[in-house]
Amino acid sequence: MYVAFWRFYQSGQFGYLDGNREDWFGQKTFAQAESWPADTRLAAISSLYRFAEIFEFAARLALTPAGDKVMSIDIELNGLTGRRLWMDDPNRRSFFQNYVVTIPSFSFHNEYTADDLASRGRKLSMVPALELFRRFGWDAKNETIASLLKGLYHDSTA
């Protein structure tokens, strides 16, 4: 099961509403070794990839007639209170400690030039990810996040 809603307006505005996939893991549609109640975890790699996808979409949109010289990116995650950050890549070690967030939501807003998005979108996507992870108490290094992004892009330019 994957829950998402997309809307793209003629003005160039794009809206994307998505549910956290890990909230549906307990349902029969997902095969897994363990289950847990909804609203208890946030997947670190999936969250990082989601930020990267948002910036990649914006970078590509910036290069089309629907783009603009300056574009804004707004990201909001709700229902966070009490969630534990979870390493969702089976090829990576789990976190050695529990990183639990106490805030109810996370918001990120910034404006970027089309040139910046097109040339540095991957690096720019790391900023909201690092901010989110710090809210959980995980002070990840830029190099760690860049290394994790290589798995999404399958190259060394993350």
C-alpha atoms as a PDB file:
ATOM      1  CA  MET A   1       0.000   0.000   0.000  1.00  0.00           C
ATOM      2  CA  TYR A   2       1.279   3.441  -0.904  1.00  0.00           C
ATOM      3  CA  VAL A   3      -0.745   6.533  -0.085  1.00  0.00           C
ATOM      4  CA  ALA A   4       0.030   9.714  -2.017  1.00  0.00           C
ATOM      5  CA  PHE A   5      -1.743  12.666  -3.609  1.00  0.00           C
ATOM      6  CA  TRP A   6      -0.182  14.878  -6.278  1.00  0.00           C
ATOM      7  CA  ARG A   7      -1.476  18.098  -7.789  1.00  0.00           C
ATOM      8  CA  PHE A   8       0.278  20.237 -10.390  1.00  0.00           C
ATOM      9  CA  TYR A   9      -1.218  23.612 -11.241  1.00  0.00           C
ATOM     10  CA  GLN A  10      -0.867  25.627 -14.437  1.00  0.00           C
ATOM     11  CA  SER A  11       0.850  28.314 -12.361  1.00  0.00           C
ATOM     12  CA  GLY A  12       3.755  25.921 -11.800  1.00  0.00           C
ATOM     13  CA  GLN A  13       2.821  25.163  -8.197  1.00  0.00           C
ATOM     14  CA  PHE A  14       3.204  21.506  -7.317  1.00  0.00           C
ATOM     15  CA  GLY A  15       1.698  19.893  -4.231  1.00  0.00           C
ATOM     16  CA  TYR A  16       2.487  16.437  -2.920  1.00  0.00           C
ATOM     17  CA  LEU A  17       0.813  14.837   0.081  1.00  0.00           C
ATOM     18  CA  ASP A  18       2.167  11.502   1.206  1.00  0.00           C
ATOM     19  CA  GLY A  19       1.735   9.090   4.087  1.00  0.00           C
ATOM     20  CA  ASN A  20       4.607   7.451   5.930  1.00  0.00           C
ATOM     21  CA  ARG A  21       4.986   3.987   4.467  1.00  0.00           C
ATOM     22  CA  GLU A  22       6.203   2.585   7.787  1.00  0.00           C
ATOM     23  CA  ASP A  23       2.775   3.401   9.293  1.00  0.00           C
ATOM     24  CA  TRP A  24       1.254   0.659   7.126  1.00  0.00           C
ATOM     25  CA  PHE A  25       3.853  -2.048   7.795  1.00  0.00           C
ATOM     26  CA  GLY A  26       1.520  -3.905  10.162  1.00  0.00           C
ATOM     27  CA  GLN A  27      -0.979  -4.546   7.370  1.00  0.00           C
ATOM     28  CA  LYS A  28      -1.038  -7.752   5.358  1.00  0.00           C
ATOM     29  CA  THR A  29       0.130  -5.989   2.197  1.00  0.00           C
ATOM     30  CA  PHE A  30       3.702  -5.778   3.514  1.00  0.00           C
ATOM     31  CA  ALA A  31       5.951  -8.793   3.977  1.00  0.00           C
ATOM     32  CA  GLN A  32       8.400  -8.287   6.799  1.00  0.00           C
ATOM     33  CA  ALA A  33      10.108 -10.029   9.666  1.00  0.00           C
ATOM     34  CA  GLU A  34       8.784  -7.713  12.386  1.00  0.00           C
ATOM     35  CA  SER A  35       5.798  -5.476  12.872  1.00  0.00           C
ATOM     36  CA  TRP A  36       5.142  -2.451  15.041  1.00  0.00           C
ATOM     37  CA  PRO A  37       2.259  -0.083  15.698  1.00  0.00           C
ATOM     38  CA  ALA A  38       1.673   2.829  13.346  1.00  0.00           C
ATOM     39  CA  ASP A  39       3.042   6.253  14.270  1.00  0.00           C
ATOM     40  CA  THR A  40       6.055   4.885  16.180  1.00  0.00           C
ATOM     41  CA  ARG A  41       8.928   5.053  13.662  1.00  0.00           C
ATOM     42  CA  LEU A  42      10.357   7.250  10.964  1.00  0.00           C
ATOM     43  CA  ALA A  43      12.600   5.615   8.381  1.00  0.00           C
ATOM     44  CA  ALA A  44      15.918   7.469   8.064  1.00  0.00           C
ATOM     45  CA  ILE A  45      16.878   6.333   4.553  1.00  0.00           C
ATOM     46  CA  SER A  46      13.374   6.682   3.132  1.00  0.00           C
ATOM     47  CA  SER A  47      13.116  10.186   4.613  1.00  0.00           C
ATOM     48  CA  LEU A  48      16.474  11.167   3.166  1.00  0.00           C
ATOM     49  CA  TYR A  49      15.494   9.791  -0.234  1.00  0.00           C
ATOM     50  CA  ARG A  50      12.164  11.628  -0.085  1.00  0.00           C
ATOM     51  CA  PHE A  51      13.972  14.943   0.448  1.00  0.00           C
ATOM     52  CA  ALA A  52      16.321  14.118  -2.431  1.00  0.00           C
ATOM     53  CA  GLU A  53      13.347  13.298  -4.675  1.00  0.00           C
ATOM     54  CA  ILE A  54      11.674  16.612  -3.802  1.00  0.00           C
ATOM     55  CA  PHE A  55      14.795  18.559  -4.739  1.00  0.00           C
ATOM     56  CA  GLU A  56      15.394  16.474  -7.859  1.00  0.00           C
ATOM     57  CA  PHE A  57      11.834  17.162  -9.007  1.00  0.00           C
ATOM     58  CA  ALA A  58      12.257  20.888  -8.303  1.00  0.00           C
ATOM     59  CA  ALA A  59      15.593  20.931 -10.149  1.00  0.00           C
ATOM     60  CA  ARG A  60      14.066  19.342 -13.226  1.00  0.00           C
ATOM     61  CA  LEU A  61      10.983  21.551 -13.020  1.00  0.00           C
ATOM     62  CA  ALA A  62      13.236  24.621 -12.808  1.00  0.00           C
ATOM     63  CA  LEU A  63      14.601  23.798 -16.257  1.00  0.00           C
ATOM     64  CA  THR A  64      11.150  23.754 -17.885  1.00  0.00           C
ATOM     65  CA  PRO A  65       8.791  26.603 -18.831  1.00  0.00           C
ATOM     66  CA  ALA A  66       6.848  25.809 -15.617  1.00  0.00           C
ATOM     67  CA  GLY A  67       9.916  26.705 -13.546  1.00  0.00           C
ATOM     68  CA  ASP A  68      10.832  30.197 -12.447  1.00  0.00           C
ATOM     69  CA  LYS A  69      14.005  32.161 -11.713  1.00  0.00           C
ATOM     70  CA  VAL A  70      13.353  31.713  -7.998  1.00  0.00           C
ATOM     71  CA  MET A  71      11.472  28.717  -6.646  1.00  0.00           C
ATOM     72  CA  SER A  72      10.405  27.897  -3.114  1.00  0.00           C
ATOM     73  CA  ILE A  73      10.376  24.505  -1.464  1.00  0.00           C
ATOM     74  CA  ASP A  74       8.142  23.905   1.545  1.00  0.00           C
ATOM     75  CA  ILE A  75       8.269  20.596   3.392  1.00  0.00           C
ATOM     76  CA  GLU A  76       6.156  19.659   6.399  1.00  0.00           C
ATOM     77  CA  LEU A  77       6.060  16.418   8.361  1.00  0.00           C
ATOM     78  CA  ASN A  78       3.308  15.962  10.939  1.00  0.00           C
ATOM     79  CA  GLY A  79       2.533  13.386  13.593  1.00  0.00           C
ATOM     80  CA  LEU A  80       6.125  13.096  14.751  1.00  0.00           C
ATOM     81  CA  THR A  81       5.838  13.185  18.552  1.00  0.00           C
ATOM     82  CA  GLY A  82       7.330  10.026  20.053  1.00  0.00           C
ATOM     83  CA  ARG A  83       8.563   8.543  16.785  1.00  0.00           C
ATOM     84  CA  ARG A  84      11.893   6.735  16.816  1.00  0.00           C
ATOM     85  CA  LEU A  85      14.332   7.209  13.950  1.00  0.00           C
ATOM     86  CA  TRP A  86      14.830   3.814  12.326  1.00  0.00           C
ATOM     87  CA  MET A  87      17.611   2.670   9.990  1.00  0.00           C
ATOM     88  CA  ASP A  88      15.507   1.101   7.242  1.00  0.00           C
ATOM     89  CA  ASP A  89      18.371  -0.193   5.094  1.00  0.00           C
ATOM     90  CA  PRO A  90      18.944  -3.876   5.909  1.00  0.00           C
ATOM     91  CA  ASN A  91      22.543  -3.554   4.668  1.00  0.00           C
ATOM     92  CA  ARG A  92      23.373  -0.965   7.336  1.00  0.00           C
ATOM     93  CA  ARG A  93      23.718  -1.361  11.066  1.00  0.00           C
ATOM     94  CA  SER A  94      20.873  -0.153  13.235  1.00  0.00           C
ATOM     95  CA  PHE A  95      21.398   2.905  15.368  1.00  0.00           C
ATOM     96  CA  PHE A  96      23.265   2.172  18.596  1.00  0.00           C
ATOM     97  CA  GLN A  97      20.862   4.354  20.547  1.00  0.00           C
ATOM     98  CA  ASN A  98      17.242   5.363  20.297  1.00  0.00           C
ATOM     99  CA  TYR A  99      16.711   8.687  18.581  1.00  0.00           C
ATOM    100  CA  VAL A 100      13.216   9.830  19.555  1.00  0.00           C
ATOM    101  CA  VAL A 101      11.622  13.126  18.576  1.00  0.00           C
ATOM    102  CA  THR A 102       9.470  15.186  20.935  1.00  0.00           C
ATOM    103  CA  ILE A 103       8.185  17.803  18.482  1.00  0.00           C
ATOM    104  CA  PRO A 104       4.786  17.298  16.809  1.00  0.00           C
ATOM    105  CA  SER A 105       5.867  18.518  13.371  1.00  0.00           C
ATOM    106  CA  PHE A 106       8.825  19.577  11.268  1.00  0.00           C
ATOM    107  CA  SER A 107       8.709  22.410   8.743  1.00  0.00           C
ATOM    108  CA  PHE A 108      11.277  23.508   6.209  1.00  0.00           C
ATOM    109  CA  HIS A 109      11.019  26.451   3.831  1.00  0.00           C
ATOM    110  CA  ASN A 110      13.600  28.019   1.554  1.00  0.00           C
ATOM    111  CA  GLU A 111      13.835  29.767  -1.784  1.00  0.00           C
ATOM    112  CA  TYR A 112      16.355  28.797  -4.448  1.00  0.00           C
ATOM    113  CA  THR A 113      17.364  30.108  -7.817  1.00  0.00           C
ATOM    114  CA  ALA A 114      16.679  27.808 -10.733  1.00  0.00           C
ATOM    115  CA  ASP A 115      20.426  27.662 -11.373  1.00  0.00           C
ATOM    116  CA  ASP A 116      21.145  26.532  -7.803  1.00  0.00           C
ATOM    117  CA  LEU A 117      18.484  23.842  -7.957  1.00  0.00           C
ATOM    118  CA  ALA A 118      19.716  22.590 -11.310  1.00  0.00           C
ATOM    119  CA  SER A 119      23.388  22.535 -10.347  1.00  0.00           C
ATOM    120  CA  ARG A 120      23.306  21.729  -6.607  1.00  0.00           C
ATOM    121  CA  GLY A 121      19.922  20.106  -5.966  1.00  0.00           C
ATOM    122  CA  ARG A 122      21.419  16.938  -4.508  1.00  0.00           C
ATOM    123  CA  LYS A 123      23.556  18.805  -2.001  1.00  0.00           C
ATOM    124  CA  LEU A 124      20.720  21.184  -1.163  1.00  0.00           C
ATOM    125  CA  SER A 125      18.463  18.224  -0.298  1.00  0.00           C
ATOM    126  CA  MET A 126      20.824  17.315   2.537  1.00  0.00           C
ATOM    127  CA  VAL A 127      19.981  20.494   4.485  1.00  0.00           C
ATOM    128  CA  PRO A 128      16.376  19.629   5.475  1.00  0.00           C
ATOM    129  CA  ALA A 129      17.373  16.004   6.094  1.00  0.00           C
ATOM    130  CA  LEU A 130      20.112  17.036   8.503  1.00  0.00           C
ATOM    131  CA  GLU A 131      17.731  19.458  10.232  1.00  0.00           C
ATOM    132  CA  LEU A 132      15.109  16.730  10.644  1.00  0.00           C
ATOM    133  CA  PHE A 133      17.609  14.185  11.956  1.00  0.00           C
ATOM    134  CA  ARG A 134      18.926  16.710  14.495  1.00  0.00           C
ATOM    135  CA  ARG A 135      15.380  17.055  15.866  1.00  0.00           C
ATOM    136  CA  PHE A 136      15.646  13.353  16.705  1.00  0.00           C
ATOM    137  CA  GLY A 137      19.022  13.905  18.355  1.00  0.00           C
ATOM    138  CA  TRP A 138      21.045  12.295  15.565  1.00  0.00           C
ATOM    139  CA  ASP A 139      23.840  14.690  14.664  1.00  0.00           C
ATOM    140  CA  ALA A 140      24.712  13.079  11.350  1.00  0.00           C
ATOM    141  CA  LYS A 141      27.708  14.414   9.466  1.00  0.00           C
ATOM    142  CA  ASN A 142      27.456  15.785   5.923  1.00  0.00           C
ATOM    143  CA  GLU A 143      29.738  12.974   4.733  1.00  0.00           C
ATOM    144  CA  THR A 144      27.418  10.339   6.229  1.00  0.00           C
ATOM    145  CA  ILE A 145      24.364  11.802   4.525  1.00  0.00           C
ATOM    146  CA  ALA A 146      26.233  12.176   1.212  1.00  0.00           C
ATOM    147  CA  SER A 147      27.288   8.523   1.469  1.00  0.00           C
ATOM    148  CA  LEU A 148      23.693   7.428   2.108  1.00  0.00           C
ATOM    149  CA  LEU A 149      22.508   9.456  -0.897  1.00  0.00           C
ATOM    150  CA  LYS A 150      24.868   7.553  -3.177  1.00  0.00           C
ATOM    151  CA  GLY A 151      22.545   4.576  -2.764  1.00  0.00           C
ATOM    152  CA  LEU A 152      19.736   6.558  -4.366  1.00  0.00           C
ATOM    153  CA  TYR A 153      21.730   7.966  -7.240  1.00  0.00           C
ATOM    154  CA  HIS A 154      23.972   4.916  -7.813  1.00  0.00           C
ATOM    155  CA  ASP A 155      26.915   7.187  -8.527  1.00  0.00           C
ATOM    156  CA  SER A 156      29.496   9.269  -6.737  1.00  0.00           C
ATOM    157  CA  THR A 157      28.041  12.730  -7.406  1.00  0.00           C
ATOM    158  CA  ALA A 158      25.684  12.961  -4.436  1.00  0.00           C
END
